mmCIF file of all heavy atoms, coordinates in Angstrom:
data_MODEL
# 
_entry.id   MODEL 
# 
loop_
_atom_site.group_PDB 
_atom_site.id 
_atom_site.type_symbol 
_atom_site.label_atom_id 
_atom_site.label_alt_id 
_atom_site.label_comp_id 
_atom_site.label_asym_id 
_atom_site.label_entity_id 
_atom_site.label_seq_id 
_atom_site.pdbx_PDB_ins_code 
_atom_site.Cartn_x 
_atom_site.Cartn_y 
_atom_site.Cartn_z 
_atom_site.occupancy 
_atom_site.B_iso_or_equiv 
_atom_site.pdbx_formal_charge 
_atom_site.auth_seq_id 
_atom_site.auth_comp_id 
_atom_site.auth_asym_id 
_atom_site.auth_atom_id 
_atom_site.pdbx_PDB_model_num 
ATOM 1   N N   . GLU A 1 1  ? 14.584 83.120 84.205 1.00 0.00 ? 1  GLU A N   1 
ATOM 2   C CA  . GLU A 1 1  ? 14.018 83.692 85.430 1.00 0.00 ? 1  GLU A CA  1 
ATOM 3   C C   . GLU A 1 1  ? 13.150 84.905 85.096 1.00 0.00 ? 1  GLU A C   1 
ATOM 4   O O   . GLU A 1 1  ? 13.262 85.499 84.018 1.00 0.00 ? 1  GLU A O   1 
ATOM 5   C CB  . GLU A 1 1  ? 15.143 84.110 86.386 1.00 0.00 ? 1  GLU A CB  1 
ATOM 6   C CG  . GLU A 1 1  ? 16.114 82.994 86.747 1.00 0.00 ? 1  GLU A CG  1 
ATOM 7   C CD  . GLU A 1 1  ? 15.495 81.886 87.576 1.00 0.00 ? 1  GLU A CD  1 
ATOM 8   O OE1 . GLU A 1 1  ? 14.407 82.116 88.161 1.00 0.00 ? 1  GLU A OE1 1 
ATOM 9   O OE2 . GLU A 1 1  ? 16.084 80.794 87.641 1.00 0.00 ? 1  GLU A OE2 1 
ATOM 10  N N   . SER A 1 2  ? 12.316 85.278 86.046 1.00 0.00 ? 2  SER A N   1 
ATOM 11  C CA  . SER A 1 2  ? 11.384 86.394 85.821 1.00 0.00 ? 2  SER A CA  1 
ATOM 12  C C   . SER A 1 2  ? 12.094 87.724 85.619 1.00 0.00 ? 2  SER A C   1 
ATOM 13  O O   . SER A 1 2  ? 11.575 88.621 84.950 1.00 0.00 ? 2  SER A O   1 
ATOM 14  C CB  . SER A 1 2  ? 10.402 86.504 86.996 1.00 0.00 ? 2  SER A CB  1 
ATOM 15  O OG  . SER A 1 2  ? 11.108 86.739 88.206 1.00 0.00 ? 2  SER A OG  1 
ATOM 16  N N   . ASP A 1 3  ? 13.299 87.870 86.200 1.00 0.00 ? 3  ASP A N   1 
ATOM 17  C CA  . ASP A 1 3  ? 14.022 89.132 86.085 1.00 0.00 ? 3  ASP A CA  1 
ATOM 18  C C   . ASP A 1 3  ? 15.139 89.090 85.035 1.00 0.00 ? 3  ASP A C   1 
ATOM 19  O O   . ASP A 1 3  ? 15.925 90.027 84.918 1.00 0.00 ? 3  ASP A O   1 
ATOM 20  C CB  . ASP A 1 3  ? 14.602 89.534 87.444 1.00 0.00 ? 3  ASP A CB  1 
ATOM 21  C CG  . ASP A 1 3  ? 15.519 88.473 88.052 1.00 0.00 ? 3  ASP A CG  1 
ATOM 22  O OD1 . ASP A 1 3  ? 15.588 87.352 87.493 1.00 0.00 ? 3  ASP A OD1 1 
ATOM 23  O OD2 . ASP A 1 3  ? 16.157 88.755 89.076 1.00 0.00 ? 3  ASP A OD2 1 
ATOM 24  N N   . ASP A 1 4  ? 15.211 88.020 84.243 1.00 0.00 ? 4  ASP A N   1 
ATOM 25  C CA  . ASP A 1 4  ? 16.210 87.944 83.168 1.00 0.00 ? 4  ASP A CA  1 
ATOM 26  C C   . ASP A 1 4  ? 15.865 88.939 82.057 1.00 0.00 ? 4  ASP A C   1 
ATOM 27  O O   . ASP A 1 4  ? 14.689 89.173 81.768 1.00 0.00 ? 4  ASP A O   1 
ATOM 28  C CB  . ASP A 1 4  ? 16.255 86.537 82.571 1.00 0.00 ? 4  ASP A CB  1 
ATOM 29  C CG  . ASP A 1 4  ? 17.070 85.565 83.408 1.00 0.00 ? 4  ASP A CG  1 
ATOM 30  O OD1 . ASP A 1 4  ? 17.763 86.021 84.326 1.00 0.00 ? 4  ASP A OD1 1 
ATOM 31  O OD2 . ASP A 1 4  ? 16.993 84.341 83.153 1.00 0.00 ? 4  ASP A OD2 1 
ATOM 32  N N   . GLU A 1 5  ? 16.905 89.500 81.430 1.00 0.00 ? 5  GLU A N   1 
ATOM 33  C CA  . GLU A 1 5  ? 16.685 90.393 80.298 1.00 0.00 ? 5  GLU A CA  1 
ATOM 34  C C   . GLU A 1 5  ? 16.191 89.552 79.125 1.00 0.00 ? 5  GLU A C   1 
ATOM 35  O O   . GLU A 1 5  ? 16.831 88.572 78.739 1.00 0.00 ? 5  GLU A O   1 
ATOM 36  C CB  . GLU A 1 5  ? 17.991 91.096 79.936 1.00 0.00 ? 5  GLU A CB  1 
ATOM 37  C CG  . GLU A 1 5  ? 17.805 92.350 79.083 1.00 0.00 ? 5  GLU A CG  1 
ATOM 38  C CD  . GLU A 1 5  ? 17.538 92.016 77.623 1.00 0.00 ? 5  GLU A CD  1 
ATOM 39  O OE1 . GLU A 1 5  ? 18.159 91.055 77.118 1.00 0.00 ? 5  GLU A OE1 1 
ATOM 40  O OE2 . GLU A 1 5  ? 16.704 92.699 76.995 1.00 0.00 ? 5  GLU A OE2 1 
ATOM 41  N N   . PRO A 1 6  ? 15.007 89.879 78.555 1.00 0.00 ? 6  PRO A N   1 
ATOM 42  C CA  . PRO A 1 6  ? 14.337 88.990 77.607 1.00 0.00 ? 6  PRO A CA  1 
ATOM 43  C C   . PRO A 1 6  ? 15.173 88.521 76.421 1.00 0.00 ? 6  PRO A C   1 
ATOM 44  O O   . PRO A 1 6  ? 15.388 87.312 76.255 1.00 0.00 ? 6  PRO A O   1 
ATOM 45  C CB  . PRO A 1 6  ? 13.133 89.817 77.143 1.00 0.00 ? 6  PRO A CB  1 
ATOM 46  C CG  . PRO A 1 6  ? 12.816 90.692 78.299 1.00 0.00 ? 6  PRO A CG  1 
ATOM 47  C CD  . PRO A 1 6  ? 14.158 91.043 78.884 1.00 0.00 ? 6  PRO A CD  1 
ATOM 48  N N   . VAL A 1 7  ? 15.647 89.430 75.592 1.00 0.00 ? 7  VAL A N   1 
ATOM 49  C CA  . VAL A 1 7  ? 16.337 89.031 74.364 1.00 0.00 ? 7  VAL A CA  1 
ATOM 50  C C   . VAL A 1 7  ? 17.656 88.337 74.690 1.00 0.00 ? 7  VAL A C   1 
ATOM 51  O O   . VAL A 1 7  ? 17.996 87.306 74.090 1.00 0.00 ? 7  VAL A O   1 
ATOM 52  C CB  . VAL A 1 7  ? 16.571 90.251 73.450 1.00 0.00 ? 7  VAL A CB  1 
ATOM 53  C CG1 . VAL A 1 7  ? 17.376 89.844 72.213 1.00 0.00 ? 7  VAL A CG1 1 
ATOM 54  C CG2 . VAL A 1 7  ? 15.232 90.868 73.026 1.00 0.00 ? 7  VAL A CG2 1 
ATOM 55  N N   . LYS A 1 8  ? 18.376 88.891 75.646 1.00 0.00 ? 8  LYS A N   1 
ATOM 56  C CA  . LYS A 1 8  ? 19.666 88.302 76.029 1.00 0.00 ? 8  LYS A CA  1 
ATOM 57  C C   . LYS A 1 8  ? 19.491 86.874 76.549 1.00 0.00 ? 8  LYS A C   1 
ATOM 58  O O   . LYS A 1 8  ? 20.274 85.973 76.242 1.00 0.00 ? 8  LYS A O   1 
ATOM 59  C CB  . LYS A 1 8  ? 20.330 89.170 77.101 1.00 0.00 ? 8  LYS A CB  1 
ATOM 60  C CG  . LYS A 1 8  ? 21.773 88.790 77.399 1.00 0.00 ? 8  LYS A CG  1 
ATOM 61  C CD  . LYS A 1 8  ? 22.362 89.688 78.479 1.00 0.00 ? 8  LYS A CD  1 
ATOM 62  C CE  . LYS A 1 8  ? 22.513 91.112 77.979 1.00 0.00 ? 8  LYS A CE  1 
ATOM 63  N NZ  . LYS A 1 8  ? 23.158 91.991 78.988 1.00 0.00 ? 8  LYS A NZ  1 
ATOM 64  N N   . SER A 1 9  ? 18.436 86.644 77.345 1.00 0.00 ? 9  SER A N   1 
ATOM 65  C CA  . SER A 1 9  ? 18.228 85.314 77.929 1.00 0.00 ? 9  SER A CA  1 
ATOM 66  C C   . SER A 1 9  ? 17.868 84.292 76.850 1.00 0.00 ? 9  SER A C   1 
ATOM 67  O O   . SER A 1 9  ? 18.295 83.139 76.908 1.00 0.00 ? 9  SER A O   1 
ATOM 68  C CB  . SER A 1 9  ? 17.126 85.366 78.991 1.00 0.00 ? 9  SER A CB  1 
ATOM 69  O OG  . SER A 1 9  ? 15.884 85.760 78.433 1.00 0.00 ? 9  SER A OG  1 
ATOM 70  N N   . ILE A 1 10 ? 17.098 84.709 75.846 1.00 0.00 ? 10 ILE A N   1 
ATOM 71  C CA  . ILE A 1 10 ? 16.739 83.796 74.754 1.00 0.00 ? 10 ILE A CA  1 
ATOM 72  C C   . ILE A 1 10 ? 17.978 83.400 73.951 1.00 0.00 ? 10 ILE A C   1 
ATOM 73  O O   . ILE A 1 10 ? 18.125 82.253 73.519 1.00 0.00 ? 10 ILE A O   1 
ATOM 74  C CB  . ILE A 1 10 ? 15.691 84.461 73.824 1.00 0.00 ? 10 ILE A CB  1 
ATOM 75  C CG1 . ILE A 1 10 ? 14.338 84.569 74.519 1.00 0.00 ? 10 ILE A CG1 1 
ATOM 76  C CG2 . ILE A 1 10 ? 15.549 83.701 72.507 1.00 0.00 ? 10 ILE A CG2 1 
ATOM 77  C CD1 . ILE A 1 10 ? 13.695 83.248 74.844 1.00 0.00 ? 10 ILE A CD1 1 
ATOM 78  N N   . ARG A 1 11 ? 18.900 84.354 73.786 1.00 0.00 ? 11 ARG A N   1 
ATOM 79  C CA  . ARG A 1 11 ? 20.098 84.088 72.989 1.00 0.00 ? 11 ARG A CA  1 
ATOM 80  C C   . ARG A 1 11 ? 21.166 83.314 73.766 1.00 0.00 ? 11 ARG A C   1 
ATOM 81  O O   . ARG A 1 11 ? 21.912 82.523 73.176 1.00 0.00 ? 11 ARG A O   1 
ATOM 82  C CB  . ARG A 1 11 ? 20.671 85.410 72.489 1.00 0.00 ? 11 ARG A CB  1 
ATOM 83  C CG  . ARG A 1 11 ? 19.812 86.040 71.405 1.00 0.00 ? 11 ARG A CG  1 
ATOM 84  C CD  . ARG A 1 11 ? 20.308 87.401 70.995 1.00 0.00 ? 11 ARG A CD  1 
ATOM 85  N NE  . ARG A 1 11 ? 19.538 87.928 69.860 1.00 0.00 ? 11 ARG A NE  1 
ATOM 86  C CZ  . ARG A 1 11 ? 19.556 89.185 69.456 1.00 0.00 ? 11 ARG A CZ  1 
ATOM 87  N NH1 . ARG A 1 11 ? 20.347 90.056 70.068 1.00 0.00 ? 11 ARG A NH1 1 
ATOM 88  N NH2 . ARG A 1 11 ? 18.825 89.580 68.426 1.00 0.00 ? 11 ARG A NH2 1 
ATOM 89  N N   . LYS A 1 12 ? 21.250 83.535 75.082 1.00 0.00 ? 12 LYS A N   1 
ATOM 90  C CA  . LYS A 1 12 ? 22.312 82.914 75.877 1.00 0.00 ? 12 LYS A CA  1 
ATOM 91  C C   . LYS A 1 12 ? 21.900 81.592 76.517 1.00 0.00 ? 12 LYS A C   1 
ATOM 92  O O   . LYS A 1 12 ? 22.714 80.683 76.663 1.00 0.00 ? 12 LYS A O   1 
ATOM 93  C CB  . LYS A 1 12 ? 22.790 83.895 76.953 1.00 0.00 ? 12 LYS A CB  1 
ATOM 94  C CG  . LYS A 1 12 ? 23.592 85.065 76.390 1.00 0.00 ? 12 LYS A CG  1 
ATOM 95  C CD  . LYS A 1 12 ? 24.297 85.822 77.503 1.00 0.00 ? 12 LYS A CD  1 
ATOM 96  C CE  . LYS A 1 12 ? 25.259 86.860 76.933 1.00 0.00 ? 12 LYS A CE  1 
ATOM 97  N NZ  . LYS A 1 12 ? 26.017 87.560 77.988 1.00 0.00 ? 12 LYS A NZ  1 
ATOM 98  N N   . LYS A 1 13 ? 20.646 81.489 76.929 1.00 0.00 ? 13 LYS A N   1 
ATOM 99  C CA  . LYS A 1 13 ? 20.178 80.276 77.613 1.00 0.00 ? 13 LYS A CA  1 
ATOM 100 C C   . LYS A 1 13 ? 19.536 79.321 76.599 1.00 0.00 ? 13 LYS A C   1 
ATOM 101 O O   . LYS A 1 13 ? 18.321 79.121 76.582 1.00 0.00 ? 13 LYS A O   1 
ATOM 102 C CB  . LYS A 1 13 ? 19.200 80.633 78.734 1.00 0.00 ? 13 LYS A CB  1 
ATOM 103 C CG  . LYS A 1 13 ? 19.845 81.386 79.891 1.00 0.00 ? 13 LYS A CG  1 
ATOM 104 C CD  . LYS A 1 13 ? 18.866 81.568 81.051 1.00 0.00 ? 13 LYS A CD  1 
ATOM 105 C CE  . LYS A 1 13 ? 19.541 82.136 82.282 1.00 0.00 ? 13 LYS A CE  1 
ATOM 106 N NZ  . LYS A 1 13 ? 18.615 82.264 83.433 1.00 0.00 ? 13 LYS A NZ  1 
ATOM 107 N N   . LYS A 1 14 ? 20.350 78.716 75.777 1.00 0.00 ? 14 LYS A N   1 
ATOM 108 C CA  . LYS A 1 14 ? 19.864 77.878 74.681 1.00 0.00 ? 14 LYS A CA  1 
ATOM 109 C C   . LYS A 1 14 ? 19.156 76.619 75.180 1.00 0.00 ? 14 LYS A C   1 
ATOM 110 O O   . LYS A 1 14 ? 18.356 76.019 74.447 1.00 0.00 ? 14 LYS A O   1 
ATOM 111 C CB  . LYS A 1 14 ? 21.027 77.467 73.768 1.00 0.00 ? 14 LYS A CB  1 
ATOM 112 C CG  . LYS A 1 14 ? 21.736 78.632 73.090 1.00 0.00 ? 14 LYS A CG  1 
ATOM 113 C CD  . LYS A 1 14 ? 20.823 79.318 72.088 1.00 0.00 ? 14 LYS A CD  1 
ATOM 114 C CE  . LYS A 1 14 ? 21.580 80.369 71.282 1.00 0.00 ? 14 LYS A CE  1 
ATOM 115 N NZ  . LYS A 1 14 ? 20.695 81.103 70.352 1.00 0.00 ? 14 LYS A NZ  1 
ATOM 116 N N   . GLN A 1 15 ? 19.467 76.187 76.406 1.00 0.00 ? 15 GLN A N   1 
ATOM 117 C CA  . GLN A 1 15 ? 18.860 74.977 76.958 1.00 0.00 ? 15 GLN A CA  1 
ATOM 118 C C   . GLN A 1 15 ? 17.744 75.286 77.957 1.00 0.00 ? 15 GLN A C   1 
ATOM 119 O O   . GLN A 1 15 ? 17.271 74.373 78.646 1.00 0.00 ? 15 GLN A O   1 
ATOM 120 C CB  . GLN A 1 15 ? 19.933 74.110 77.636 1.00 0.00 ? 15 GLN A CB  1 
ATOM 121 C CG  . GLN A 1 15 ? 20.980 73.562 76.679 1.00 0.00 ? 15 GLN A CG  1 
ATOM 122 C CD  . GLN A 1 15 ? 20.358 72.714 75.584 1.00 0.00 ? 15 GLN A CD  1 
ATOM 123 O OE1 . GLN A 1 15 ? 19.615 71.782 75.856 1.00 0.00 ? 15 GLN A OE1 1 
ATOM 124 N NE2 . GLN A 1 15 ? 20.667 73.041 74.326 1.00 0.00 ? 15 GLN A NE2 1 
ATOM 125 N N   . ALA A 1 16 ? 17.316 76.534 78.014 1.00 0.00 ? 16 ALA A N   1 
ATOM 126 C CA  . ALA A 1 16 ? 16.211 76.888 78.916 1.00 0.00 ? 16 ALA A CA  1 
ATOM 127 C C   . ALA A 1 16 ? 14.925 76.230 78.440 1.00 0.00 ? 16 ALA A C   1 
ATOM 128 O O   . ALA A 1 16 ? 14.711 76.031 77.238 1.00 0.00 ? 16 ALA A O   1 
ATOM 129 C CB  . ALA A 1 16 ? 16.048 78.401 78.967 1.00 0.00 ? 16 ALA A CB  1 
ATOM 130 N N   . SER A 1 17 ? 14.061 75.890 79.386 1.00 0.00 ? 17 SER A N   1 
ATOM 131 C CA  . SER A 1 17 ? 12.818 75.179 79.062 1.00 0.00 ? 17 SER A CA  1 
ATOM 132 C C   . SER A 1 17 ? 11.983 75.943 78.038 1.00 0.00 ? 17 SER A C   1 
ATOM 133 O O   . SER A 1 17 ? 11.437 75.355 77.097 1.00 0.00 ? 17 SER A O   1 
ATOM 134 C CB  . SER A 1 17 ? 12.004 74.933 80.338 1.00 0.00 ? 17 SER A CB  1 
ATOM 135 O OG  . SER A 1 17 ? 11.815 76.135 81.072 1.00 0.00 ? 17 SER A OG  1 
ATOM 136 N N   . MET A 1 18 ? 11.905 77.269 78.166 1.00 0.00 ? 18 MET A N   1 
ATOM 137 C CA  . MET A 1 18 ? 11.124 78.070 77.222 1.00 0.00 ? 18 MET A CA  1 
ATOM 138 C C   . MET A 1 18 ? 11.738 78.049 75.829 1.00 0.00 ? 18 MET A C   1 
ATOM 139 O O   . MET A 1 18 ? 11.020 77.924 74.820 1.00 0.00 ? 18 MET A O   1 
ATOM 140 C CB  . MET A 1 18 ? 11.017 79.522 77.708 1.00 0.00 ? 18 MET A CB  1 
ATOM 141 C CG  . MET A 1 18 ? 10.165 80.407 76.822 1.00 0.00 ? 18 MET A CG  1 
ATOM 142 S SD  . MET A 1 18 ? 10.268 82.157 77.279 1.00 0.00 ? 18 MET A SD  1 
ATOM 143 C CE  . MET A 1 18 ? 9.461  82.165 78.875 1.00 0.00 ? 18 MET A CE  1 
ATOM 144 N N   . VAL A 1 19 ? 13.044 78.160 75.750 1.00 0.00 ? 19 VAL A N   1 
ATOM 145 C CA  . VAL A 1 19 ? 13.736 78.199 74.457 1.00 0.00 ? 19 VAL A CA  1 
ATOM 146 C C   . VAL A 1 19 ? 13.603 76.855 73.738 1.00 0.00 ? 19 VAL A C   1 
ATOM 147 O O   . VAL A 1 19 ? 13.334 76.798 72.529 1.00 0.00 ? 19 VAL A O   1 
ATOM 148 C CB  . VAL A 1 19 ? 15.215 78.575 74.637 1.00 0.00 ? 19 VAL A CB  1 
ATOM 149 C CG1 . VAL A 1 19 ? 15.954 78.536 73.305 1.00 0.00 ? 19 VAL A CG1 1 
ATOM 150 C CG2 . VAL A 1 19 ? 15.340 79.955 75.263 1.00 0.00 ? 19 VAL A CG2 1 
ATOM 151 N N   . LEU A 1 20 ? 13.757 75.764 74.471 1.00 0.00 ? 20 LEU A N   1 
ATOM 152 C CA  . LEU A 1 20 ? 13.630 74.441 73.870 1.00 0.00 ? 20 LEU A CA  1 
ATOM 153 C C   . LEU A 1 20 ? 12.208 74.210 73.366 1.00 0.00 ? 20 LEU A C   1 
ATOM 154 O O   . LEU A 1 20 ? 12.008 73.602 72.298 1.00 0.00 ? 20 LEU A O   1 
ATOM 155 C CB  . LEU A 1 20 ? 14.004 73.365 74.893 1.00 0.00 ? 20 LEU A CB  1 
ATOM 156 C CG  . LEU A 1 20 ? 15.481 73.283 75.287 1.00 0.00 ? 20 LEU A CG  1 
ATOM 157 C CD1 . LEU A 1 20 ? 15.676 72.230 76.374 1.00 0.00 ? 20 LEU A CD1 1 
ATOM 158 C CD2 . LEU A 1 20 ? 16.363 72.974 74.085 1.00 0.00 ? 20 LEU A CD2 1 
ATOM 159 N N   . ALA A 1 21 ? 11.219 74.696 74.120 1.00 0.00 ? 21 ALA A N   1 
ATOM 160 C CA  . ALA A 1 21 ? 9.824  74.554 73.691 1.00 0.00 ? 21 ALA A CA  1 
ATOM 161 C C   . ALA A 1 21 ? 9.568  75.337 72.409 1.00 0.00 ? 21 ALA A C   1 
ATOM 162 O O   . ALA A 1 21 ? 8.904  74.856 71.486 1.00 0.00 ? 21 ALA A O   1 
ATOM 163 C CB  . ALA A 1 21 ? 8.886  75.015 74.806 1.00 0.00 ? 21 ALA A CB  1 
ATOM 164 N N   . ALA A 1 22 ? 10.102 76.558 72.341 1.00 0.00 ? 22 ALA A N   1 
ATOM 165 C CA  . ALA A 1 22 ? 9.943  77.368 71.132 1.00 0.00 ? 22 ALA A CA  1 
ATOM 166 C C   . ALA A 1 22 ? 10.656 76.737 69.948 1.00 0.00 ? 22 ALA A C   1 
ATOM 167 O O   . ALA A 1 22 ? 10.164 76.745 68.812 1.00 0.00 ? 22 ALA A O   1 
ATOM 168 C CB  . ALA A 1 22 ? 10.486 78.775 71.381 1.00 0.00 ? 22 ALA A CB  1 
ATOM 169 N N   . GLN A 1 23 ? 11.829 76.161 70.199 1.00 0.00 ? 23 GLN A N   1 
ATOM 170 C CA  . GLN A 1 23 ? 12.586 75.512 69.139 1.00 0.00 ? 23 GLN A CA  1 
ATOM 171 C C   . GLN A 1 23 ? 11.829 74.303 68.586 1.00 0.00 ? 23 GLN A C   1 
ATOM 172 O O   . GLN A 1 23 ? 11.869 74.016 67.389 1.00 0.00 ? 23 GLN A O   1 
ATOM 173 C CB  . GLN A 1 23 ? 13.952 75.079 69.679 1.00 0.00 ? 23 GLN A CB  1 
ATOM 174 C CG  . GLN A 1 23 ? 14.960 74.701 68.606 1.00 0.00 ? 23 GLN A CG  1 
ATOM 175 C CD  . GLN A 1 23 ? 15.374 75.877 67.729 1.00 0.00 ? 23 GLN A CD  1 
ATOM 176 O OE1 . GLN A 1 23 ? 15.696 76.943 68.230 1.00 0.00 ? 23 GLN A OE1 1 
ATOM 177 N NE2 . GLN A 1 23 ? 15.355 75.669 66.413 1.00 0.00 ? 23 GLN A NE2 1 
ATOM 178 N N   . ALA A 1 24 ? 11.115 73.610 69.474 1.00 0.00 ? 24 ALA A N   1 
ATOM 179 C CA  . ALA A 1 24 ? 10.325 72.450 69.037 1.00 0.00 ? 24 ALA A CA  1 
ATOM 180 C C   . ALA A 1 24 ? 9.237  72.881 68.060 1.00 0.00 ? 24 ALA A C   1 
ATOM 181 O O   . ALA A 1 24 ? 8.944  72.179 67.086 1.00 0.00 ? 24 ALA A O   1 
ATOM 182 C CB  . ALA A 1 24 ? 9.704  71.755 70.250 1.00 0.00 ? 24 ALA A CB  1 
ATOM 183 N N   . VAL A 1 25 ? 8.641  74.051 68.300 1.00 0.00 ? 25 VAL A N   1 
ATOM 184 C CA  . VAL A 1 25 ? 7.623  74.573 67.384 1.00 0.00 ? 25 VAL A CA  1 
ATOM 185 C C   . VAL A 1 25 ? 8.270  74.942 66.049 1.00 0.00 ? 25 VAL A C   1 
ATOM 186 O O   . VAL A 1 25 ? 7.748  74.615 64.979 1.00 0.00 ? 25 VAL A O   1 
ATOM 187 C CB  . VAL A 1 25 ? 6.903  75.792 68.002 1.00 0.00 ? 25 VAL A CB  1 
ATOM 188 C CG1 . VAL A 1 25 ? 5.945  76.420 66.998 1.00 0.00 ? 25 VAL A CG1 1 
ATOM 189 C CG2 . VAL A 1 25 ? 6.152  75.376 69.264 1.00 0.00 ? 25 VAL A CG2 1 
ATOM 190 N N   . LYS A 1 26 ? 9.400  75.606 66.115 1.00 0.00 ? 26 LYS A N   1 
ATOM 191 C CA  . LYS A 1 26 ? 10.099 75.992 64.884 1.00 0.00 ? 26 LYS A CA  1 
ATOM 192 C C   . LYS A 1 26 ? 10.463 74.767 64.047 1.00 0.00 ? 26 LYS A C   1 
ATOM 193 O O   . LYS A 1 26 ? 10.356 74.780 62.816 1.00 0.00 ? 26 LYS A O   1 
ATOM 194 C CB  . LYS A 1 26 ? 11.365 76.778 65.223 1.00 0.00 ? 26 LYS A CB  1 
ATOM 195 C CG  . LYS A 1 26 ? 12.147 77.212 63.987 1.00 0.00 ? 26 LYS A CG  1 
ATOM 196 C CD  . LYS A 1 26 ? 13.412 77.963 64.351 1.00 0.00 ? 26 LYS A CD  1 
ATOM 197 C CE  . LYS A 1 26 ? 14.172 78.369 63.096 1.00 0.00 ? 26 LYS A CE  1 
ATOM 198 N NZ  . LYS A 1 26 ? 15.430 79.095 63.414 1.00 0.00 ? 26 LYS A NZ  1 
ATOM 199 N N   . ASN A 1 27 ? 10.877 73.691 64.715 1.00 0.00 ? 27 ASN A N   1 
ATOM 200 C CA  . ASN A 1 27 ? 11.318 72.485 64.019 1.00 0.00 ? 27 ASN A CA  1 
ATOM 201 C C   . ASN A 1 27 ? 10.159 71.596 63.568 1.00 0.00 ? 27 ASN A C   1 
ATOM 202 O O   . ASN A 1 27 ? 10.384 70.547 62.955 1.00 0.00 ? 27 ASN A O   1 
ATOM 203 C CB  . ASN A 1 27 ? 12.256 71.672 64.917 1.00 0.00 ? 27 ASN A CB  1 
ATOM 204 C CG  . ASN A 1 27 ? 13.557 72.400 65.214 1.00 0.00 ? 27 ASN A CG  1 
ATOM 205 O OD1 . ASN A 1 27 ? 13.926 73.350 64.516 1.00 0.00 ? 27 ASN A OD1 1 
ATOM 206 N ND2 . ASN A 1 27 ? 14.247 71.979 66.266 1.00 0.00 ? 27 ASN A ND2 1 
# 
């Protein structure tokens, strides 16, 4: 969400659309 704390949200929301997209680039 727009008001989520950035670093915490990346670490906790492993299935978030943004995190999965970034993981696809890493992989």
